[in-house]
PDB file of N, CA and C in Angstrom:
ATOM      1  N   MET A   1      36.292   1.121 -27.974  1.00  0.00           N
ATOM      2  CA  MET A   1      36.172   2.454 -27.344  1.00  0.00           C
ATOM      3  C   MET A   1      37.350   3.080 -27.760  1.00  0.00           C
ATOM      4  N   SER A   2      36.154   4.038 -27.593  1.00  0.00           N
ATOM      5  CA  SER A   2      36.916   5.835 -28.481  1.00  0.00           C
ATOM      6  C   SER A   2      37.291   6.409 -26.989  1.00  0.00           C
ATOM      7  N   THR A   3      38.267   7.250 -26.538  1.00  0.00           N
ATOM      8  CA  THR A   3      38.168   7.919 -25.503  1.00  0.00           C
ATOM      9  C   THR A   3      36.878   9.089 -25.557  1.00  0.00           C
ATOM     10  N   GLU A   4      36.601   9.792 -26.366  1.00  0.00           N
ATOM     11  CA  GLU A   4      35.237  10.037 -26.358  1.00  0.00           C
ATOM     12  C   GLU A   4      34.525  10.099 -26.150  1.00  0.00           C
ATOM     13  N   SER A   5      33.664   8.795 -26.030  1.00  0.00           N
ATOM     14  CA  SER A   5      32.601   8.299 -25.364  1.00  0.00           C
ATOM     15  C   SER A   5      33.120   8.320 -23.776  1.00  0.00           C
ATOM     16  N   LEU A   6      34.297   7.948 -23.574  1.00  0.00           N
ATOM     17  CA  LEU A   6      34.672   7.435 -22.151  1.00  0.00           C
ATOM     18  C   LEU A   6      34.690   9.195 -21.075  1.00  0.00           C
ATOM     19  N   ASN A   7      35.211  10.024 -21.987  1.00  0.00           N
ATOM     20  CA  ASN A   7      34.960  11.371 -21.699  1.00  0.00           C
ATOM     21  C   ASN A   7      33.852  11.959 -21.688  1.00  0.00           C
ATOM     22  N   ARG A   8      32.817  11.968 -22.489  1.00  0.00           N
ATOM     23  CA  ARG A   8      31.250  12.244 -22.615  1.00  0.00           C
ATOM     24  C   ARG A   8      31.124  11.417 -21.100  1.00  0.00           C
ATOM     25  N   THR A   9      31.326  10.416 -21.008  1.00  0.00           N
ATOM     26  CA  THR A   9      30.431  10.098 -19.435  1.00  0.00           C
ATOM     27  C   THR A   9      31.116  10.580 -18.607  1.00  0.00           C
ATOM     28  N   SER A  10      32.031  10.646 -18.734  1.00  0.00           N
ATOM     29  CA  SER A  10      32.683  11.076 -17.537  1.00  0.00           C
ATOM     30  C   SER A  10      32.460  12.897 -17.058  1.00  0.00           C
ATOM     31  N   ASN A  11      31.688  13.404 -17.299  1.00  0.00           N
ATOM     32  CA  ASN A  11      31.556  14.827 -17.568  1.00  0.00           C
ATOM     33  C   ASN A  11      30.451  14.459 -16.763  1.00  0.00           C
ATOM     34  N   ILE A  12      29.488  13.807 -16.632  1.00  0.00           N
ATOM     35  CA  ILE A  12      28.446  13.897 -16.077  1.00  0.00           C
ATOM     36  C   ILE A  12      27.908  14.566 -14.700  1.00  0.00           C
ATOM     37  N   GLU A  13      27.463  15.790 -14.611  1.00  0.00           N
ATOM     38  CA  GLU A  13      27.015  16.891 -14.101  1.00  0.00           C
ATOM     39  C   GLU A  13      26.031  16.202 -12.536  1.00  0.00           C
ATOM     40  N   ILE A  14      26.078  15.479 -12.058  1.00  0.00           N
ATOM     41  CA  ILE A  14      25.494  15.069 -10.849  1.00  0.00           C
ATOM     42  C   ILE A  14      24.442  16.454  -9.840  1.00  0.00           C
ATOM     43  N   PRO A  15      23.595  16.849 -10.031  1.00  0.00           N
ATOM     44  CA  PRO A  15      23.258  17.648  -9.206  1.00  0.00           C
ATOM     45  C   PRO A  15      23.073  17.096  -7.023  1.00  0.00           C
ATOM     46  N   GLU A  16      23.179  17.481  -6.553  1.00  0.00           N
ATOM     47  CA  GLU A  16      23.082  17.507  -5.182  1.00  0.00           C
ATOM     48  C   GLU A  16      21.853  17.759  -5.154  1.00  0.00           C
ATOM     49  N   LYS A  17      21.203  16.568  -3.820  1.00  0.00           N
ATOM     50  CA  LYS A  17      19.892  16.110  -3.294  1.00  0.00           C
ATOM     51  C   LYS A  17      19.508  17.483  -1.860  1.00  0.00           C
ATOM     52  N   LYS A  18      18.709  17.546  -1.551  1.00  0.00           N
ATOM     53  CA  LYS A  18      18.293  18.949  -1.053  1.00  0.00           C
ATOM     54  C   LYS A  18      18.415  18.239   0.381  1.00  0.00           C
ATOM     55  N   SER A  19      19.349  18.282   0.985  1.00  0.00           N
ATOM     56  CA  SER A  19      18.719  17.346   2.661  1.00  0.00           C
ATOM     57  C   SER A  19      17.754  17.745   2.931  1.00  0.00           C
ATOM     58  N   ARG A  20      16.994  16.931   4.258  1.00  0.00           N
ATOM     59  CA  ARG A  20      15.890  17.266   4.748  1.00  0.00           C
ATOM     60  C   ARG A  20      16.967  17.413   6.297  1.00  0.00           C
ATOM     61  N   VAL A  21      15.967  18.389   7.054  1.00  0.00           N
ATOM     62  CA  VAL A  21      16.253  18.362   8.506  1.00  0.00           C
ATOM     63  C   VAL A  21      15.406  17.910   9.140  1.00  0.00           C
ATOM     64  N   ILE A  22      15.548  16.228   9.985  1.00  0.00           N
ATOM     65  CA  ILE A  22      14.337  15.276  10.448  1.00  0.00           C
ATOM     66  C   ILE A  22      14.474  16.248  12.160  1.00  0.00           C
ATOM     67  N   ARG A  23      13.901  16.599  12.966  1.00  0.00           N
ATOM     68  CA  ARG A  23      13.285  16.977  13.750  1.00  0.00           C
ATOM     69  C   ARG A  23      12.805  15.546  14.536  1.00  0.00           C
ATOM     70  N   MET A  24      13.777  15.778  15.643  1.00  0.00           N
ATOM     71  CA  MET A  24      13.438  14.780  16.147  1.00  0.00           C
ATOM     72  C   MET A  24      12.691  14.990  17.573  1.00  0.00           C
ATOM     73  N   SER A  25      11.181  14.478  17.846  1.00  0.00           N
ATOM     74  CA  SER A  25      10.568  15.293  18.741  1.00  0.00           C
ATOM     75  C   SER A  25      10.380  13.911  19.650  1.00  0.00           C
ATOM     76  N   PRO A  26       9.820  14.079  20.933  1.00  0.00           N
ATOM     77  CA  PRO A  26       9.575  13.382  22.436  1.00  0.00           C
ATOM     78  C   PRO A  26       8.438  13.076  21.999  1.00  0.00           C
ATOM     79  N   ARG A  27       8.321  12.961  21.176  1.00  0.00           N
ATOM     80  CA  ARG A  27       6.747  12.715  20.882  1.00  0.00           C
ATOM     81  C   ARG A  27       6.099  11.178  21.617  1.00  0.00           C
ATOM     82  N   LYS A  28       4.839  10.955  22.542  1.00  0.00           N
ATOM     83  CA  LYS A  28       4.206   9.493  23.036  1.00  0.00           C
ATOM     84  C   LYS A  28       3.833   9.157  21.985  1.00  0.00           C
ATOM     85  N   VAL A  29       3.927   7.694  22.009  1.00  0.00           N
ATOM     86  CA  VAL A  29       2.785   6.952  21.063  1.00  0.00           C
ATOM     87  C   VAL A  29       1.259   6.184  21.731  1.00  0.00           C
ATOM     88  N   ASN A  30       0.698   6.429  21.868  1.00  0.00           N
ATOM     89  CA  ASN A  30      -0.627   6.182  22.582  1.00  0.00           C
ATOM     90  C   ASN A  30      -1.030   4.631  21.805  1.00  0.00           C
ATOM     91  N   ILE A  31      -0.344   3.485  22.478  1.00  0.00           N
ATOM     92  CA  ILE A  31      -1.124   2.266  22.073  1.00  0.00           C
ATOM     93  C   ILE A  31      -1.974   1.379  21.642  1.00  0.00           C
ATOM     94  N   ASP A  32      -3.024   2.042  22.546  1.00  0.00           N
ATOM     95  CA  ASP A  32      -4.510   1.756  22.169  1.00  0.00           C
ATOM     96  C   ASP A  32      -5.268   2.336  21.321  1.00  0.00           C
ATOM     97  N   VAL A  33      -4.796   3.341  20.900  1.00  0.00           N
ATOM     98  CA  VAL A  33      -5.123   4.100  19.305  1.00  0.00           C
ATOM     99  C   VAL A  33      -4.372   2.873  18.682  1.00  0.00           C
ATOM    100  N   LEU A  34      -3.281   3.071  18.769  1.00  0.00           N
ATOM    101  CA  LEU A  34      -2.766   2.283  17.093  1.00  0.00           C
ATOM    102  C   LEU A  34      -3.668   0.213  17.103  1.00  0.00           C
ATOM    103  N   LYS A  35      -3.299   0.196  18.855  1.00  0.00           N
ATOM    104  CA  LYS A  35      -4.590  -1.205  18.614  1.00  0.00           C
ATOM    105  C   LYS A  35      -5.826  -0.829  18.194  1.00  0.00           C
ATOM    106  N   LYS A  36      -6.614  -0.012  18.153  1.00  0.00           N
ATOM    107  CA  LYS A  36      -7.290   0.866  18.186  1.00  0.00           C
ATOM    108  C   LYS A  36      -7.842   0.688  15.884  1.00  0.00           C
ATOM    109  N   ARG A  37      -7.328   1.086  15.407  1.00  0.00           N
ATOM    110  CA  ARG A  37      -6.804   0.778  14.565  1.00  0.00           C
ATOM    111  C   ARG A  37      -6.843  -0.305  13.714  1.00  0.00           C
ATOM    112  N   VAL A  38      -5.957  -1.329  14.145  1.00  0.00           N
ATOM    113  CA  VAL A  38      -5.656  -2.161  13.495  1.00  0.00           C
ATOM    114  C   VAL A  38      -6.791  -3.429  13.914  1.00  0.00           C
ATOM    115  N   ILE A  39      -7.881  -3.099  15.327  1.00  0.00           N
ATOM    116  CA  ILE A  39      -8.813  -3.938  15.323  1.00  0.00           C
ATOM    117  C   ILE A  39     -10.018  -3.036  13.906  1.00  0.00           C
ATOM    118  N   THR A  40      -9.505  -2.019  13.612  1.00  0.00           N
ATOM    119  CA  THR A  40     -11.328  -1.933  13.132  1.00  0.00           C
ATOM    120  C   THR A  40     -10.975  -1.689  11.606  1.00  0.00           C
ATOM    121  N   LYS A  41      -9.639  -2.266  10.962  1.00  0.00           N
ATOM    122  CA  LYS A  41      -9.090  -2.458   9.579  1.00  0.00           C
ATOM    123  C   LYS A  41      -9.394  -3.385   9.657  1.00  0.00           C
ATOM    124  N   LYS A  42      -8.867  -4.802  10.654  1.00  0.00           N
ATOM    125  CA  LYS A  42      -9.300  -6.180  10.351  1.00  0.00           C
ATOM    126  C   LYS A  42     -10.696  -6.698  10.447  1.00  0.00           C
ATOM    127  N   LYS A  43     -11.465  -5.551  10.815  1.00  0.00           N
ATOM    128  CA  LYS A  43     -13.166  -5.478  11.305  1.00  0.00           C
ATOM    129  C   LYS A  43     -14.129  -5.731  10.473  1.00  0.00           C
ATOM    130  N   LYS A  44     -13.316  -4.246   9.518  1.00  0.00           N
ATOM    131  CA  LYS A  44     -13.734  -3.549   7.626  1.00  0.00           C
ATOM    132  C   LYS A  44     -12.961  -5.160   6.873  1.00  0.00           C
ATOM    133  N   GLU A  45     -11.714  -5.701   7.001  1.00  0.00           N
ATOM    134  CA  GLU A  45     -11.337  -6.478   5.859  1.00  0.00           C
ATOM    135  C   GLU A  45     -12.762  -7.554   6.349  1.00  0.00           C
ATOM    136  N   ALA A  46     -12.904  -8.171   7.515  1.00  0.00           N
ATOM    137  CA  ALA A  46     -13.953  -9.212   7.559  1.00  0.00           C
ATOM    138  C   ALA A  46     -15.332  -8.949   7.052  1.00  0.00           C
ATOM    139  N   PHE A  47     -15.765  -8.077   7.626  1.00  0.00           N
ATOM    140  CA  PHE A  47     -16.996  -7.564   6.953  1.00  0.00           C
ATOM    141  C   PHE A  47     -17.361  -7.709   4.700  1.00  0.00           C
ATOM    142  N   GLN A  48     -15.816  -6.778   4.352  1.00  0.00           N
ATOM    143  CA  GLN A  48     -15.803  -7.289   2.973  1.00  0.00           C
ATOM    144  C   GLN A  48     -15.709  -8.171   2.713  1.00  0.00           C
ATOM    145  N   SER A  49     -14.763  -9.791   3.338  1.00  0.00           N
ATOM    146  CA  SER A  49     -15.123 -10.502   2.655  1.00  0.00           C
ATOM    147  C   SER A  49     -15.899 -11.469   2.959  1.00  0.00           C
ATOM    148  N   LYS A  50     -16.782 -11.211   4.082  1.00  0.00           N
ATOM    149  CA  LYS A  50     -18.451 -11.850   4.089  1.00  0.00           C
ATOM    150  C   LYS A  50     -19.306 -11.370   3.028  1.00  0.00           C
ATOM    151  N   ILE A  51     -19.029 -10.016   2.803  1.00  0.00           N
ATOM    152  CA  ILE A  51     -20.140  -9.875   1.664  1.00  0.00           C
ATOM    153  C   ILE A  51     -19.226 -10.304   0.522  1.00  0.00           C
ATOM    154  N   ILE A  52     -18.454 -10.790  -0.266  1.00  0.00           N
ATOM    155  CA  ILE A  52     -17.843 -10.696  -1.072  1.00  0.00           C
ATOM    156  C   ILE A  52     -18.622 -12.643  -0.833  1.00  0.00           C
ATOM    157  N   ILE A  53     -18.209 -13.253   0.020  1.00  0.00           N
ATOM    158  CA  ILE A  53     -19.033 -14.512  -0.116  1.00  0.00           C
ATOM    159  C   ILE A  53     -20.741 -15.178  -0.342  1.00  0.00           C
ATOM    160  N   VAL A  54     -20.784 -13.783   0.226  1.00  0.00           N
ATOM    161  CA  VAL A  54     -22.478 -14.178   0.616  1.00  0.00           C
ATOM    162  C   VAL A  54     -22.516 -13.628  -0.615  1.00  0.00           C
ATOM    163  N   SER A  55     -22.110 -13.002  -1.874  1.00  0.00           N
ATOM    164  CA  SER A  55     -22.586 -11.826  -2.731  1.00  0.00           C
ATOM    165  C   SER A  55     -22.247 -13.833  -3.923  1.00  0.00           C
ATOM    166  N   ILE A  56     -21.870 -14.393  -3.810  1.00  0.00           N
ATOM    167  CA  ILE A  56     -21.225 -15.630  -4.543  1.00  0.00           C
ATOM    168  C   ILE A  56     -21.969 -16.383  -4.308  1.00  0.00           C
ATOM    169  N   CYS A  57     -22.273 -16.318  -2.925  1.00  0.00           N
ATOM    170  CA  CYS A  57     -23.278 -17.990  -2.509  1.00  0.00           C
ATOM    171  C   CYS A  57     -24.571 -16.882  -3.554  1.00  0.00           C
ATOM    172  N   LEU A  58     -24.724 -16.135  -3.319  1.00  0.00           N
ATOM    173  CA  LEU A  58     -26.702 -15.755  -3.726  1.00  0.00           C
ATOM    174  C   LEU A  58     -25.994 -15.689  -5.184  1.00  0.00           C
ATOM    175  N   SER A  59     -25.329 -15.400  -5.422  1.00  0.00           N
ATOM    176  CA  SER A  59     -25.077 -15.564  -7.533  1.00  0.00           C
ATOM    177  C   SER A  59     -25.327 -16.968  -7.899  1.00  0.00           C
ATOM    178  N   ILE A  60     -24.931 -18.042  -7.370  1.00  0.00           N
ATOM    179  CA  ILE A  60     -24.934 -19.138  -7.719  1.00  0.00           C
ATOM    180  C   ILE A  60     -26.162 -19.712  -7.077  1.00  0.00           C
ATOM    181  N   GLY A  61     -27.115 -18.930  -6.256  1.00  0.00           N
ATOM    182  CA  GLY A  61     -28.202 -19.930  -5.619  1.00  0.00           C
ATOM    183  C   GLY A  61     -28.577 -19.572  -6.524  1.00  0.00           C
ATOM    184  N   ILE A  62     -29.330 -17.547  -7.316  1.00  0.00           N
ATOM    185  CA  ILE A  62     -30.268 -17.446  -8.617  1.00  0.00           C
ATOM    186  C   ILE A  62     -29.570 -18.371  -9.799  1.00  0.00           C
ATOM    187  N   LEU A  63     -28.909 -18.250 -10.089  1.00  0.00           N
ATOM    188  CA  LEU A  63     -28.119 -18.956 -11.445  1.00  0.00           C
ATOM    189  C   LEU A  63     -28.702 -20.284 -11.556  1.00  0.00           C
ATOM    190  N   GLY A  64     -28.936 -20.859 -10.470  1.00  0.00           N
ATOM    191  CA  GLY A  64     -29.557 -22.450 -10.071  1.00  0.00           C
ATOM    192  C   GLY A  64     -30.595 -22.665 -10.140  1.00  0.00           C
ATOM    193  N   TYR A  65     -31.327 -21.476  -9.259  1.00  0.00           N
ATOM    194  CA  TYR A  65     -32.990 -22.000  -9.795  1.00  0.00           C
ATOM    195  C   TYR A  65     -33.565 -21.345 -11.128  1.00  0.00           C
ATOM    196  N   PHE A  66     -32.384 -20.419 -11.666  1.00  0.00           N
ATOM    197  CA  PHE A  66     -32.955 -19.985 -12.987  1.00  0.00           C
ATOM    198  C   PHE A  66     -32.364 -21.031 -14.022  1.00  0.00           C
ATOM    199  N   ALA A  67     -31.491 -21.849 -13.538  1.00  0.00           N
ATOM    200  CA  ALA A  67     -31.246 -22.706 -14.733  1.00  0.00           C
ATOM    201  C   ALA A  67     -31.974 -24.069 -14.588  1.00  0.00           C
ATOM    202  N   GLY A  68     -32.258 -24.445 -13.548  1.00  0.00           N
ATOM    203  CA  GLY A  68     -33.714 -25.303 -13.152  1.00  0.00           C
ATOM    204  C   GLY A  68     -34.467 -25.581 -12.669  1.00  0.00           C
TER     205      GLY A  68
END
C-alpha cells in the first residue's frame, strides 16, 4: 500500500452538521386523545381485515357456483 493513497484518504474533509436546537416546552399530553387515536386505528384495521375475509369468502363462493 503506498503512502499516497493513505494521504489521500486522510485529507477528506467532513462538513459540519447543523446542530438543531430543541426546545423543551412544558406541554401537557392528553391521554384520552391518545387512547382515542389508538382505538380508532384498531377499529379501522379490524374493519379492513373483515372486508378482506368477506371478499375472499365471496369470491370462493362465486367461483364454486360457476364451477359446479
